[in-house]
Amino acid sequence: MKPFNIILSGVGGQGLITLVTILDQACLNEGYDVRSSELHGLSQRGGSVQAHVRFGKKVYSPLISNKKTDIIIGLETSEALKSIMYANEKTKILVNDNSVPYLGGLPKKELLETLKKTAKNNLYLVSASKICEEKLQKEVVSGMYILGYACYKKLIPLTIESLLKATEQVIPTKYLESNKKAVELAKL
């Protein structure tokens, strides 16, 4: 298997680094070689966070070249757009349909139009934040919902069992149940 390339993008406070750790562990659980790297500047202040995850039989570098990504997972609409340089005509773009407004940012309609143009038929908009808030009263687990969705829909070549096992290995016990429920909600 050639390396599978994932870009995760979001803002500080969304749990993106935890999601990378869970993805890394799920890959290891399935016997893959995995490399990851994250770029986070002012993440503690709500700034951009981007991570690269690569896994396969043998992976030498954690960084993904432009136009070489298999899937972009955006925890927020405008952050997904910031990763678009990594997309090619086959890249799937999975986005939490949730915009964090900021001064000078594009309106949500324009963000979505640009993502649709780039992704063509490979754009998956998921209302993860809304669903997790309504069903679990915890929007913070929406990233886990997104990962569950990606596994259930076969957008990433990992099993749901590996993802759930990795969740148990990474998430502290007091938060484990809500995170597992978020993954399971994505099955619907």
N, C-alpha and C. Protein backbone atom coordinates (compact mmCIF):
# COMPACT_ATOMS: atom_id res chain seq x y z
N MET A 1 0.85 -1.19 0.00
CA MET A 1 0.00 0.00 0.00
C MET A 1 0.89 1.24 0.00
N LYS A 2 0.66 2.11 -0.96
CA LYS A 2 1.38 3.38 -0.94
C LYS A 2 0.85 4.19 0.25
N PRO A 3 1.65 5.11 0.77
CA PRO A 3 1.18 5.88 1.93
C PRO A 3 -0.14 6.61 1.64
N PHE A 4 -1.01 6.58 2.64
CA PHE A 4 -2.28 7.30 2.59
C PHE A 4 -2.05 8.61 3.32
N ASN A 5 -2.47 9.72 2.71
CA ASN A 5 -2.16 11.06 3.22
C ASN A 5 -3.41 11.80 3.70
N ILE A 6 -3.35 12.26 4.95
CA ILE A 6 -4.47 12.99 5.56
C ILE A 6 -3.96 14.34 6.05
N ILE A 7 -4.70 15.39 5.71
CA ILE A 7 -4.47 16.71 6.30
C ILE A 7 -5.65 16.98 7.22
N LEU A 8 -5.37 17.35 8.46
CA LEU A 8 -6.41 17.78 9.39
C LEU A 8 -6.19 19.27 9.64
N SER A 9 -7.27 20.04 9.60
CA SER A 9 -7.13 21.47 9.83
C SER A 9 -8.26 21.96 10.74
N GLY A 10 -7.92 22.91 11.57
CA GLY A 10 -8.90 23.47 12.49
C GLY A 10 -8.30 24.67 13.21
N VAL A 11 -8.91 25.00 14.32
CA VAL A 11 -8.41 26.10 15.15
C VAL A 11 -8.14 25.56 16.54
N GLY A 12 -7.33 26.30 17.27
CA GLY A 12 -6.98 25.90 18.63
C GLY A 12 -8.22 25.69 19.48
N GLY A 13 -8.21 24.64 20.26
CA GLY A 13 -9.33 24.34 21.16
C GLY A 13 -10.30 23.31 20.62
N GLN A 14 -10.11 22.88 19.37
CA GLN A 14 -11.02 21.89 18.77
C GLN A 14 -10.55 20.46 19.00
N GLY A 15 -9.39 20.28 19.60
CA GLY A 15 -8.91 18.93 19.88
C GLY A 15 -8.19 18.26 18.72
N LEU A 16 -7.70 19.04 17.79
CA LEU A 16 -7.07 18.48 16.61
C LEU A 16 -5.84 17.64 16.94
N ILE A 17 -5.03 18.07 17.87
CA ILE A 17 -3.82 17.32 18.24
C ILE A 17 -4.21 15.98 18.87
N THR A 18 -5.27 15.97 19.64
CA THR A 18 -5.77 14.70 20.19
C THR A 18 -6.25 13.78 19.07
N LEU A 19 -6.93 14.34 18.08
CA LEU A 19 -7.40 13.54 16.94
C LEU A 19 -6.22 12.92 16.19
N VAL A 20 -5.13 13.66 16.05
CA VAL A 20 -3.94 13.13 15.38
C VAL A 20 -3.38 11.95 16.18
N THR A 21 -3.33 12.09 17.49
CA THR A 21 -2.84 11.01 18.35
C THR A 21 -3.72 9.77 18.20
N ILE A 22 -5.02 9.96 18.14
CA ILE A 22 -5.95 8.83 17.97
C ILE A 22 -5.76 8.19 16.59
N LEU A 23 -5.63 9.00 15.55
CA LEU A 23 -5.39 8.46 14.20
C LEU A 23 -4.07 7.68 14.16
N ASP A 24 -3.03 8.25 14.76
CA ASP A 24 -1.74 7.55 14.81
C ASP A 24 -1.90 6.19 15.47
N GLN A 25 -2.59 6.15 16.60
CA GLN A 25 -2.76 4.90 17.34
C GLN A 25 -3.61 3.90 16.55
N ALA A 26 -4.65 4.38 15.88
CA ALA A 26 -5.49 3.49 15.06
C ALA A 26 -4.66 2.87 13.92
N CYS A 27 -3.78 3.66 13.34
CA CYS A 27 -2.90 3.14 12.27
C CYS A 27 -1.97 2.08 12.84
N LEU A 28 -1.39 2.35 13.98
CA LEU A 28 -0.50 1.37 14.62
C LEU A 28 -1.26 0.10 14.98
N ASN A 29 -2.50 0.25 15.44
CA ASN A 29 -3.34 -0.90 15.77
C ASN A 29 -3.57 -1.81 14.57
N GLU A 30 -3.57 -1.22 13.37
CA GLU A 30 -3.77 -2.01 12.15
C GLU A 30 -2.45 -2.47 11.52
N GLY A 31 -1.34 -2.17 12.19
CA GLY A 31 -0.05 -2.64 11.71
C GLY A 31 0.63 -1.75 10.69
N TYR A 32 0.15 -0.54 10.51
CA TYR A 32 0.76 0.39 9.56
C TYR A 32 1.94 1.12 10.19
N ASP A 33 2.85 1.53 9.35
CA ASP A 33 3.87 2.50 9.72
C ASP A 33 3.18 3.85 9.61
N VAL A 34 3.38 4.73 10.57
CA VAL A 34 2.68 6.02 10.55
C VAL A 34 3.64 7.13 10.96
N ARG A 35 3.48 8.26 10.31
CA ARG A 35 4.23 9.47 10.64
C ARG A 35 3.24 10.63 10.65
N SER A 36 3.43 11.52 11.61
CA SER A 36 2.55 12.70 11.67
C SER A 36 3.36 13.90 12.13
N SER A 37 2.83 15.05 11.78
CA SER A 37 3.46 16.31 12.15
C SER A 37 2.37 17.36 12.23
N GLU A 38 2.51 18.28 13.17
CA GLU A 38 1.51 19.34 13.25
C GLU A 38 2.18 20.71 13.28
N LEU A 39 1.44 21.65 12.76
CA LEU A 39 1.87 23.04 12.73
C LEU A 39 0.83 23.81 13.52
N HIS A 40 1.24 24.36 14.63
CA HIS A 40 0.28 25.14 15.41
C HIS A 40 0.99 26.36 15.96
N GLY A 41 0.60 27.50 15.44
CA GLY A 41 1.18 28.77 15.86
C GLY A 41 0.51 29.27 17.12
N LEU A 42 -0.53 30.02 16.94
CA LEU A 42 -1.26 30.59 18.08
C LEU A 42 -2.48 29.73 18.41
N SER A 43 -2.30 28.44 18.41
CA SER A 43 -3.44 27.53 18.58
C SER A 43 -4.15 27.73 19.91
N GLN A 44 -3.42 28.09 20.96
CA GLN A 44 -4.07 28.28 22.25
C GLN A 44 -4.94 29.52 22.27
N ARG A 45 -4.80 30.35 21.29
CA ARG A 45 -5.60 31.57 21.20
C ARG A 45 -6.60 31.50 20.05
N GLY A 46 -6.95 30.30 19.63
CA GLY A 46 -7.93 30.13 18.55
C GLY A 46 -7.33 30.24 17.17
N GLY A 47 -6.01 30.19 17.07
CA GLY A 47 -5.34 30.28 15.78
C GLY A 47 -5.38 28.98 15.00
N SER A 48 -4.89 29.03 13.79
CA SER A 48 -4.90 27.87 12.89
C SER A 48 -4.02 26.73 13.41
N VAL A 49 -4.52 25.52 13.19
CA VAL A 49 -3.77 24.31 13.49
C VAL A 49 -3.91 23.41 12.26
N GLN A 50 -2.79 22.88 11.81
CA GLN A 50 -2.83 21.95 10.68
C GLN A 50 -1.92 20.77 11.00
N ALA A 51 -2.38 19.58 10.67
CA ALA A 51 -1.58 18.38 10.92
C ALA A 51 -1.54 17.52 9.67
N HIS A 52 -0.43 16.84 9.49
CA HIS A 52 -0.25 15.89 8.41
C HIS A 52 -0.15 14.51 9.05
N VAL A 53 -0.87 13.55 8.51
CA VAL A 53 -0.78 12.16 8.95
C VAL A 53 -0.59 11.31 7.70
N ARG A 54 0.46 10.49 7.72
CA ARG A 54 0.75 9.59 6.60
C ARG A 54 0.93 8.18 7.16
N PHE A 55 0.27 7.22 6.52
CA PHE A 55 0.44 5.84 6.98
C PHE A 55 0.41 4.88 5.80
N GLY A 56 1.05 3.73 5.98
CA GLY A 56 1.13 2.72 4.94
C GLY A 56 2.10 1.64 5.36
N LYS A 57 2.55 0.86 4.39
CA LYS A 57 3.49 -0.22 4.68
C LYS A 57 4.80 0.36 5.22
N LYS A 58 5.32 1.40 4.57
CA LYS A 58 6.52 2.09 5.04
C LYS A 58 6.39 3.56 4.68
N VAL A 59 6.58 4.43 5.68
CA VAL A 59 6.48 5.87 5.48
C VAL A 59 7.78 6.50 5.98
N TYR A 60 8.35 7.38 5.18
CA TYR A 60 9.64 7.97 5.53
C TYR A 60 9.54 9.39 6.05
N SER A 61 8.51 10.11 5.66
CA SER A 61 8.39 11.52 6.05
C SER A 61 6.95 11.81 6.50
N PRO A 62 6.79 12.67 7.48
CA PRO A 62 5.43 13.02 7.92
C PRO A 62 4.77 14.09 7.05
N LEU A 63 5.55 14.79 6.26
CA LEU A 63 5.00 15.92 5.51
C LEU A 63 4.46 15.51 4.14
N ILE A 64 3.35 16.11 3.79
CA ILE A 64 2.66 15.82 2.54
C ILE A 64 2.95 16.94 1.55
N SER A 65 3.29 16.57 0.34
CA SER A 65 3.55 17.56 -0.71
C SER A 65 2.23 18.13 -1.24
N ASN A 66 2.32 19.32 -1.82
CA ASN A 66 1.14 19.92 -2.46
C ASN A 66 0.55 18.96 -3.49
N LYS A 67 -0.75 18.91 -3.53
CA LYS A 67 -1.52 18.10 -4.49
C LYS A 67 -1.39 16.59 -4.26
N LYS A 68 -0.94 16.17 -3.10
CA LYS A 68 -0.72 14.74 -2.83
C LYS A 68 -1.59 14.19 -1.71
N THR A 69 -2.61 14.92 -1.30
CA THR A 69 -3.44 14.49 -0.18
C THR A 69 -4.59 13.61 -0.65
N ASP A 70 -4.85 12.54 0.10
CA ASP A 70 -5.99 11.69 -0.20
C ASP A 70 -7.27 12.26 0.40
N ILE A 71 -7.16 12.87 1.59
CA ILE A 71 -8.33 13.48 2.23
C ILE A 71 -7.90 14.67 3.09
N ILE A 72 -8.70 15.71 3.01
CA ILE A 72 -8.56 16.86 3.90
C ILE A 72 -9.74 16.79 4.86
N ILE A 73 -9.45 16.80 6.14
CA ILE A 73 -10.50 16.80 7.16
C ILE A 73 -10.46 18.16 7.84
N GLY A 74 -11.49 18.95 7.61
CA GLY A 74 -11.57 20.29 8.18
C GLY A 74 -12.55 20.32 9.34
N LEU A 75 -12.08 20.71 10.50
CA LEU A 75 -12.96 20.83 11.66
C LEU A 75 -13.74 22.13 11.63
N GLU A 76 -13.44 22.94 10.64
CA GLU A 76 -14.09 24.25 10.49
C GLU A 76 -13.93 24.64 9.02
N THR A 77 -14.91 25.28 8.46
CA THR A 77 -14.98 25.54 7.01
C THR A 77 -13.80 26.34 6.48
N SER A 78 -13.49 27.48 7.07
CA SER A 78 -12.41 28.32 6.52
C SER A 78 -11.05 27.65 6.69
N GLU A 79 -10.87 26.87 7.73
CA GLU A 79 -9.60 26.16 7.92
C GLU A 79 -9.43 25.06 6.87
N ALA A 80 -10.50 24.43 6.47
CA ALA A 80 -10.42 23.43 5.39
C ALA A 80 -9.94 24.11 4.10
N LEU A 81 -10.46 25.29 3.85
CA LEU A 81 -10.07 26.03 2.64
C LEU A 81 -8.58 26.38 2.65
N LYS A 82 -8.02 26.64 3.83
CA LYS A 82 -6.60 26.98 3.93
C LYS A 82 -5.70 25.80 3.55
N SER A 83 -6.25 24.60 3.55
CA SER A 83 -5.47 23.40 3.20
C SER A 83 -5.65 22.98 1.75
N ILE A 84 -6.37 23.76 0.98
CA ILE A 84 -6.76 23.37 -0.37
C ILE A 84 -5.57 23.15 -1.30
N MET A 85 -4.42 23.77 -1.01
CA MET A 85 -3.25 23.60 -1.88
C MET A 85 -2.76 22.15 -1.89
N TYR A 86 -3.17 21.36 -0.91
CA TYR A 86 -2.77 19.96 -0.84
C TYR A 86 -3.70 19.05 -1.65
N ALA A 87 -4.79 19.60 -2.16
CA ALA A 87 -5.80 18.80 -2.87
C ALA A 87 -5.45 18.61 -4.34
N ASN A 88 -5.90 17.48 -4.87
CA ASN A 88 -5.84 17.23 -6.30
C ASN A 88 -7.26 16.85 -6.73
N GLU A 89 -7.43 16.43 -7.99
CA GLU A 89 -8.78 16.15 -8.49
C GLU A 89 -9.43 14.94 -7.81
N LYS A 90 -8.67 14.11 -7.13
CA LYS A 90 -9.23 12.94 -6.46
C LYS A 90 -9.35 13.10 -4.94
N THR A 91 -8.82 14.18 -4.41
CA THR A 91 -8.84 14.40 -2.95
C THR A 91 -10.27 14.54 -2.44
N LYS A 92 -10.56 13.82 -1.38
CA LYS A 92 -11.84 13.96 -0.70
C LYS A 92 -11.68 15.07 0.34
N ILE A 93 -12.72 15.88 0.47
CA ILE A 93 -12.69 16.96 1.46
C ILE A 93 -13.89 16.76 2.39
N LEU A 94 -13.59 16.44 3.64
CA LEU A 94 -14.60 16.21 4.67
C LEU A 94 -14.56 17.38 5.63
N VAL A 95 -15.69 18.09 5.73
CA VAL A 95 -15.71 19.33 6.50
C VAL A 95 -16.86 19.34 7.49
N ASN A 96 -16.54 19.73 8.72
CA ASN A 96 -17.55 20.03 9.71
C ASN A 96 -18.20 21.34 9.25
N ASP A 97 -19.45 21.30 8.94
CA ASP A 97 -20.17 22.48 8.42
C ASP A 97 -20.38 23.47 9.56
N ASN A 98 -19.28 24.06 9.97
CA ASN A 98 -19.27 24.96 11.11
C ASN A 98 -18.24 26.04 10.83
N SER A 99 -18.65 27.28 10.82
CA SER A 99 -17.71 28.37 10.57
C SER A 99 -17.47 29.15 11.83
N VAL A 100 -16.20 29.40 12.12
CA VAL A 100 -15.83 30.28 13.22
C VAL A 100 -15.57 31.63 12.59
N PRO A 101 -16.47 32.60 12.79
CA PRO A 101 -16.30 33.89 12.12
C PRO A 101 -15.09 34.65 12.67
N TYR A 102 -14.38 35.32 11.77
CA TYR A 102 -13.29 36.17 12.21
C TYR A 102 -13.24 37.39 11.30
N LEU A 103 -12.70 38.45 11.82
CA LEU A 103 -12.64 39.73 11.12
C LEU A 103 -11.89 39.58 9.80
N GLY A 104 -12.50 39.97 8.73
CA GLY A 104 -11.87 39.91 7.42
C GLY A 104 -12.03 38.57 6.72
N GLY A 105 -12.73 37.64 7.35
CA GLY A 105 -12.92 36.32 6.75
C GLY A 105 -13.99 36.34 5.67
N LEU A 106 -13.94 35.36 4.80
CA LEU A 106 -14.95 35.24 3.75
C LEU A 106 -16.28 34.79 4.33
N PRO A 107 -17.38 35.22 3.75
CA PRO A 107 -18.68 34.71 4.17
C PRO A 107 -18.76 33.20 3.91
N LYS A 108 -19.54 32.51 4.72
CA LYS A 108 -19.64 31.05 4.63
C LYS A 108 -20.04 30.60 3.22
N LYS A 109 -20.95 31.32 2.59
CA LYS A 109 -21.40 30.95 1.24
C LYS A 109 -20.22 30.90 0.26
N GLU A 110 -19.34 31.89 0.33
CA GLU A 110 -18.18 31.93 -0.56
C GLU A 110 -17.19 30.80 -0.22
N LEU A 111 -17.01 30.53 1.06
CA LEU A 111 -16.13 29.43 1.47
C LEU A 111 -16.61 28.12 0.86
N LEU A 112 -17.91 27.85 1.00
CA LEU A 112 -18.48 26.60 0.49
C LEU A 112 -18.41 26.52 -1.03
N GLU A 113 -18.65 27.63 -1.71
CA GLU A 113 -18.56 27.63 -3.18
C GLU A 113 -17.15 27.28 -3.64
N THR A 114 -16.15 27.84 -2.97
CA THR A 114 -14.76 27.55 -3.33
C THR A 114 -14.41 26.10 -3.06
N LEU A 115 -14.85 25.57 -1.92
CA LEU A 115 -14.60 24.16 -1.60
C LEU A 115 -15.29 23.25 -2.61
N LYS A 116 -16.52 23.59 -2.99
CA LYS A 116 -17.25 22.77 -3.97
C LYS A 116 -16.56 22.77 -5.33
N LYS A 117 -16.04 23.92 -5.75
CA LYS A 117 -15.33 24.00 -7.03
C LYS A 117 -14.10 23.11 -7.02
N THR A 118 -13.39 23.12 -5.91
CA THR A 118 -12.16 22.33 -5.82
C THR A 118 -12.46 20.85 -5.70
N ALA A 119 -13.41 20.49 -4.85
CA ALA A 119 -13.68 19.08 -4.55
C ALA A 119 -14.58 18.41 -5.58
N LYS A 120 -15.30 19.19 -6.34
CA LYS A 120 -16.27 18.66 -7.31
C LYS A 120 -17.22 17.69 -6.62
N ASN A 121 -17.15 16.40 -6.90
CA ASN A 121 -18.06 15.43 -6.28
C ASN A 121 -17.48 14.78 -5.03
N ASN A 122 -16.38 15.30 -4.54
CA ASN A 122 -15.71 14.70 -3.39
C ASN A 122 -15.80 15.55 -2.12
N LEU A 123 -16.80 16.41 -2.04
CA LEU A 123 -16.98 17.24 -0.84
C LEU A 123 -18.04 16.62 0.05
N TYR A 124 -17.69 16.43 1.31
CA TYR A 124 -18.60 15.87 2.30
C TYR A 124 -18.78 16.90 3.41
N LEU A 125 -19.94 17.54 3.44
CA LEU A 125 -20.26 18.51 4.49
C LEU A 125 -21.07 17.79 5.56
N VAL A 126 -20.59 17.84 6.78
CA VAL A 126 -21.23 17.12 7.88
C VAL A 126 -21.48 18.12 9.01
N SER A 127 -22.68 18.12 9.53
CA SER A 127 -23.03 19.03 10.64
C SER A 127 -22.65 18.41 11.98
N ALA A 128 -21.38 18.07 12.12
CA ALA A 128 -20.91 17.35 13.32
C ALA A 128 -21.12 18.16 14.59
N SER A 129 -20.81 19.45 14.57
CA SER A 129 -20.97 20.27 15.78
C SER A 129 -22.43 20.30 16.22
N LYS A 130 -23.31 20.52 15.27
CA LYS A 130 -24.74 20.60 15.56
C LYS A 130 -25.26 19.26 16.09
N ILE A 131 -24.88 18.18 15.45
CA ILE A 131 -25.34 16.84 15.85
C ILE A 131 -24.85 16.50 17.26
N CYS A 132 -23.57 16.76 17.52
CA CYS A 132 -23.01 16.43 18.84
C CYS A 132 -23.62 17.30 19.93
N GLU A 133 -23.89 18.54 19.61
CA GLU A 133 -24.53 19.43 20.60
C GLU A 133 -25.94 18.95 20.90
N GLU A 134 -26.70 18.60 19.86
CA GLU A 134 -28.09 18.15 20.05
C GLU A 134 -28.19 16.79 20.74
N LYS A 135 -27.36 15.83 20.31
CA LYS A 135 -27.48 14.45 20.79
C LYS A 135 -26.70 14.18 22.08
N LEU A 136 -25.57 14.87 22.24
CA LEU A 136 -24.71 14.59 23.39
C LEU A 136 -24.51 15.79 24.32
N GLN A 137 -25.03 16.95 23.92
CA GLN A 137 -24.84 18.20 24.64
C GLN A 137 -23.36 18.54 24.80
N LYS A 138 -22.54 18.12 23.82
CA LYS A 138 -21.10 18.36 23.85
C LYS A 138 -20.58 18.56 22.43
N GLU A 139 -20.46 19.81 22.03
CA GLU A 139 -19.93 20.09 20.71
C GLU A 139 -18.46 19.69 20.60
N VAL A 140 -17.75 19.69 21.72
CA VAL A 140 -16.31 19.44 21.73
C VAL A 140 -15.94 18.06 21.17
N VAL A 141 -16.87 17.13 21.12
CA VAL A 141 -16.57 15.80 20.57
C VAL A 141 -16.86 15.70 19.07
N SER A 142 -17.13 16.81 18.43
CA SER A 142 -17.47 16.79 17.00
C SER A 142 -16.33 16.26 16.14
N GLY A 143 -15.08 16.46 16.56
CA GLY A 143 -13.95 15.91 15.83
C GLY A 143 -13.97 14.38 15.80
N MET A 144 -14.39 13.79 16.91
CA MET A 144 -14.52 12.33 16.97
C MET A 144 -15.64 11.86 16.04
N TYR A 145 -16.71 12.64 15.98
CA TYR A 145 -17.80 12.33 15.05
C TYR A 145 -17.25 12.31 13.62
N ILE A 146 -16.46 13.32 13.28
CA ILE A 146 -15.87 13.42 11.94
C ILE A 146 -15.00 12.20 11.63
N LEU A 147 -14.15 11.79 12.59
CA LEU A 147 -13.30 10.61 12.36
C LEU A 147 -14.16 9.36 12.19
N GLY A 148 -15.20 9.23 13.02
CA GLY A 148 -16.12 8.10 12.87
C GLY A 148 -16.78 8.10 11.51
N TYR A 149 -17.23 9.25 11.06
CA TYR A 149 -17.85 9.39 9.75
C TYR A 149 -16.87 8.94 8.65
N ALA A 150 -15.63 9.39 8.76
CA ALA A 150 -14.62 9.03 7.75
C ALA A 150 -14.40 7.52 7.69
N CYS A 151 -14.42 6.87 8.85
CA CYS A 151 -14.25 5.41 8.88
C CYS A 151 -15.49 4.69 8.36
N TYR A 152 -16.66 5.08 8.84
CA TYR A 152 -17.89 4.42 8.40
C TYR A 152 -18.13 4.56 6.91
N LYS A 153 -17.79 5.72 6.34
CA LYS A 153 -18.01 5.97 4.91
C LYS A 153 -16.84 5.52 4.04
N LYS A 154 -15.84 4.89 4.67
CA LYS A 154 -14.66 4.37 3.96
C LYS A 154 -13.88 5.48 3.24
N LEU A 155 -13.88 6.68 3.83
CA LEU A 155 -13.09 7.78 3.27
C LEU A 155 -11.63 7.65 3.66
N ILE A 156 -11.38 6.93 4.75
CA ILE A 156 -10.02 6.59 5.15
C ILE A 156 -9.96 5.06 5.34
N PRO A 157 -8.85 4.43 4.98
CA PRO A 157 -8.78 2.97 5.05
C PRO A 157 -8.42 2.44 6.44
N LEU A 158 -9.24 2.79 7.41
CA LEU A 158 -9.10 2.28 8.78
C LEU A 158 -10.45 1.73 9.22
N THR A 159 -10.42 0.72 10.07
CA THR A 159 -11.68 0.16 10.54
C THR A 159 -12.20 0.94 11.75
N ILE A 160 -13.49 0.89 11.93
CA ILE A 160 -14.10 1.54 13.08
C ILE A 160 -13.61 0.89 14.37
N GLU A 161 -13.33 -0.40 14.32
CA GLU A 161 -12.82 -1.11 15.51
C GLU A 161 -11.47 -0.54 15.93
N SER A 162 -10.59 -0.29 14.97
CA SER A 162 -9.28 0.30 15.28
C SER A 162 -9.43 1.70 15.85
N LEU A 163 -10.36 2.46 15.29
CA LEU A 163 -10.60 3.82 15.78
C LEU A 163 -11.12 3.79 17.22
N LEU A 164 -12.07 2.92 17.50
CA LEU A 164 -12.61 2.83 18.86
C LEU A 164 -11.56 2.33 19.85
N LYS A 165 -10.75 1.37 19.44
CA LYS A 165 -9.68 0.88 20.31
C LYS A 165 -8.67 1.99 20.60
N ALA A 166 -8.31 2.75 19.56
CA ALA A 166 -7.37 3.87 19.73
C ALA A 166 -7.96 4.92 20.66
N THR A 167 -9.26 5.15 20.55
CA THR A 167 -9.93 6.11 21.42
C THR A 167 -9.79 5.67 22.88
N GLU A 168 -9.98 4.38 23.13
CA GLU A 168 -9.82 3.85 24.48
C GLU A 168 -8.38 3.98 24.97
N GLN A 169 -7.42 3.88 24.06
CA GLN A 169 -6.01 3.95 24.42
C GLN A 169 -5.54 5.38 24.68
N VAL A 170 -6.22 6.37 24.10
CA VAL A 170 -5.74 7.75 24.15
C VAL A 170 -6.56 8.64 25.09
N ILE A 171 -7.87 8.52 25.05
CA ILE A 171 -8.75 9.44 25.79
C ILE A 171 -8.81 9.05 27.27
N PRO A 172 -8.70 10.01 28.17
CA PRO A 172 -8.84 9.71 29.60
C PRO A 172 -10.23 9.12 29.90
N THR A 173 -10.27 8.24 30.87
CA THR A 173 -11.48 7.50 31.22
C THR A 173 -12.70 8.39 31.41
N LYS A 174 -12.54 9.53 32.07
CA LYS A 174 -13.72 10.37 32.36
C LYS A 174 -14.34 10.99 31.10
N TYR A 175 -13.61 11.02 29.99
CA TYR A 175 -14.14 11.57 28.73
C TYR A 175 -14.40 10.49 27.69
N LEU A 176 -14.08 9.26 28.01
CA LEU A 176 -14.12 8.18 27.03
C LEU A 176 -15.52 7.92 26.49
N GLU A 177 -16.51 7.83 27.35
CA GLU A 177 -17.87 7.46 26.91
C GLU A 177 -18.43 8.46 25.90
N SER A 178 -18.29 9.75 26.16
CA SER A 178 -18.85 10.74 25.22
C SER A 178 -18.11 10.72 23.88
N ASN A 179 -16.81 10.45 23.90
CA ASN A 179 -16.06 10.37 22.65
C ASN A 179 -16.46 9.14 21.85
N LYS A 180 -16.64 8.01 22.51
CA LYS A 180 -17.09 6.80 21.81
C LYS A 180 -18.50 6.96 21.27
N LYS A 181 -19.36 7.63 22.01
CA LYS A 181 -20.73 7.88 21.53
C LYS A 181 -20.71 8.76 20.29
N ALA A 182 -19.82 9.73 20.25
CA ALA A 182 -19.71 10.62 19.08
C ALA A 182 -19.32 9.81 17.84
N VAL A 183 -18.38 8.88 18.01
CA VAL A 183 -17.97 8.03 16.88
C VAL A 183 -19.15 7.20 16.42
N GLU A 184 -19.85 6.59 17.36
CA GLU A 184 -20.98 5.72 17.02
C GLU A 184 -22.14 6.48 16.39
N LEU A 185 -22.34 7.74 16.78
CA LEU A 185 -23.40 8.57 16.18
C LEU A 185 -23.18 8.73 14.67
N ALA A 186 -21.92 8.73 14.26
CA ALA A 186 -21.60 8.95 12.84
C ALA A 186 -22.06 7.80 11.96
N LYS A 187 -22.42 6.68 12.54
CA LYS A 187 -22.88 5.52 11.77
C LYS A 187 -24.23 5.80 11.12
N LEU A 188 -25.03 6.63 11.72
CA LEU A 188 -26.38 6.89 11.24
C LEU A 188 -26.42 7.59 9.90
